[in-house]
Amino acid sequence: MNARGSAAEVEVVVVGAGQAGLSAAYHLRRRGLVPGEDFVVLDHAPRPGGAWQFRWPTLTYGRVHGMHALPGKELTGADPDRPSAEVVGAYFADYETTFGLRVHRPVDVTAVREAGDGRLRVATSAGEWTTRALINATGTWGRPFWPHVPGQGAFTGRQLHTAGYPGPEAFAGERVLVVGGGTSAVSHLLEIAGTAAATTWVTRRPPLFRDLTFGEDQGRAAVALVEDRVSRGLPPQSVVSVTGLPMTDAIRRARADGVLDRLPMIDRLTAEGAAWADGRAVALDTVLWATGFRAAIDHLAPLRLREPGGGIRLDGTRAVRDPRVHLVGYGPSASTVGANRAGRAAVNEVLAGTRNGTRPPAAVTPAVAAST
C-alpha cells in the first residue's frame, strides 16, 4: 500500500472487487501483470463478496438466478440452503487468494483526476495512485435510488430500501407498502406476505410477467436494447426492465392468492400511510422502497465523462470522453456473465495501449463538456 502523501505508480487501477473487478484482475494477471506492482485492485467493501455480501439472509444460494462462475475457477459444492452472501463471499475470498490478487480493502475511491502527464490520479481514503488506465467496476449497490414522493418526510412509520432489507421476520404483524416493479420487489412481497398483517404493492407501470422460455436469442436482444442506451450516452437500464419478470410457480401462486395484485403508484405519503389522488388511502407501518440502484460513479465526476443525456457513452468498455477509463459491470455488462466478458474485453483494450511502451489514447476534450 502506498503511504499517505505520496502517489504510487501502476499501469492499471481496478476500482471494485465484485464480479467485474475480479474478472478484470484475473485477466490482467493472466496477461503477465503483477498484482500490487503493475496493477492494484481497490475495494470499498469490508470483506470479499462484492454486492453479494450485503444480500439479506433469506436469499439462499439455491434461490439465486444466473450466478455465473468467475473465470478460471468454478463454484462447486455450494449448499443451496446456505445464505448466498456466505456462499459467494467465501467463493470470492478463495478466488482472491488462489490468484493472489491482493485486493486492498476497505478503500474508498473519492476522485479520479488528471495527473498532468497523460496519467490519471486516483485519490482514495488510503492514499493516491497514478495510472495509465482505470477499470471501473463499482456496480450499483452502493447507490440505492430513493424516489421523491410528496409527504415523505411526514410519514411517521419506517422507511427501508432493498439495500437494507433485513428479511421477512422484521415485518411481522405490520402493514407494508412495497414500491417497485422489479425482481426485488416481487421477492420481498413473496417473503413478507407470510409474516406481515397486510401488504400493498405499487408500481409506476404495470409489471410485465414473462411466461415464455427465455432463450439466448431473447437474451441477446434484451442486452442489445440496454447497450443501445449506453452507446447513445443515456443512463443504463436494467436488463429486466426490457425482459420482464420471469413467471415461476411461486409467482403464479402469489398472483392467485392476491399477493401480487398491483396498484398504481401512490400520489403521496401521509403521517399514517399512503394516498392516491382518487381518494383511496391505506394505513401503513412500513414503506419498503424496492426502487433499484444507480451506477456508483460519482468519483469519476472530475473527468466530466457524462453526456447531455445523463449517461457515460461507451465504445465497447471504453469511455468515449476519456479512453483511458473503462467501465465494466455497467449497463449491458451488469449481469454476472456480462461482467466476466467485459472484464476480459477491458483488459484486452487496456493492454493494447499500455504494453510495448505505448500509452492509451489521450482523453477526448469536447468543445463543451457536459458536467457530471
Foldseek 3Di string as FASTA:
>chain_A
DDAAPDAAEAAEEEEAQELLSLLLLVLCVVVPADAPHRYAYAYQDAAAQGLLLQAAFQQFQLNDPFADARPPDGQPDDDRRGGSNVSRRVVSRVSCVVSVNPHDPNKAFQAWADPPPCWIWTQIPRHIYIHLFYEYENAWLVFWDDDDAAAPVQAQAAEAESSNDHFQVVQAAWEEEEEDQDPSSVVNLLGNVVGYPYYAYEYQDDFDEDADDCDPVNLVVLLVVQLVCQQVQAAGDDSCVVVTHYDDPSNVVCVVVVSPPYDYDFRHAHHQFTHHPVGDTDGGRYYYYHPGTGGPDPNHQNLLQGDPNGGFRDDLQAGQQARSYGYACGGSLVRSVSSSVSSNVVSVLSCVARPPPHGHDGGHDDPDGHGD
